[in-house]
Amino acid sequence: MTMINLHDLSLPVAPHHHVGTEQRVSLTLQRGALCWIVGSSGSGKTALLETLALQRPFKGVFRLFDQDITPRTSSRTLTSLRQRIGFLEENPLFCDTLTVCENIALPLEINGVKRSEYLRETSTILSWFQLDLYADRLPASLPLLVRWQLACTRTLIRRPPLLLIEASPLISLPDFRVRLFSVLNDLAQSGSTILLTTNDDSICSDPPASILHLPSNTPSKRDSERDTLSPNLSAPYSDQRREPRLS
């Protein structure tokens, strides 16, 4: 099943990255794919994820979950599709009147999961990521990096079929990164499609994944070498051993 199919998607970018204020991107990812998108600030990484999360208008051809997305797609359909997407932003929002535990449990509670079950799931995921000491704290009292880690557990707890992560904070979180990659491997093997963005490809070596670099007006020698590789994003992540580039 093709999870993501973009053709000539227009992404807004900073002027120093591209002639004009936008560039065209094409991308295809199958069910179970795991992919990194690498680019510096202003290269369009956030705009790409926001488009995939159905949070911004777009120009181009866009299919998601084997369904065409157009300006005529109904609000009901978009709402249904958004419920299948987990989107972790670099600066996540919380309900600051609820404790950390209550915030993380909220997606399961909204989906009608029994209280005893969602409390158990919340306790388990906080313990796995060694964040249980924050369970009874209010999010506003915590540092931004801790809030991002907690938001990550909230995104993962419902195991969405499509997972979108602004992952640059992982550069400063080596221990958390190891645990997260273990979970992402399991999710991908179970069929979730996972797309992560970062400005530093040093964190992309594990788990095995496609690594794509958003084009720049001033490519480095390393970028030029990547240009010789043919894009091939149609196989699950376990078959990806090359570093294709976004077209």
Foldseek 3Di string as FASTA:
>chain_A
DKAKWWFQKWAAFDCQFDPDGTGGWTDIAFFLAEEEEAEDPRLRQVVVLCVLLVNDDIDGWIDGPNHTDDPPPDPVVSVVVNLLEQEQDLQDDFDQVQFLLCRLLVNVVVVPHDPVVSSVLSCVLCVLLVNVVRRGPGLVVDDSLSSSLSSVSSRPSVLHLEYEEAPASVVVPVVSLVSVLVSSNVSSVVGRYYYYYHNDCPSVPPDQHAYEYRHGPDDDPVVVVLQVDDDDNYDRSVPDDHHHYTD
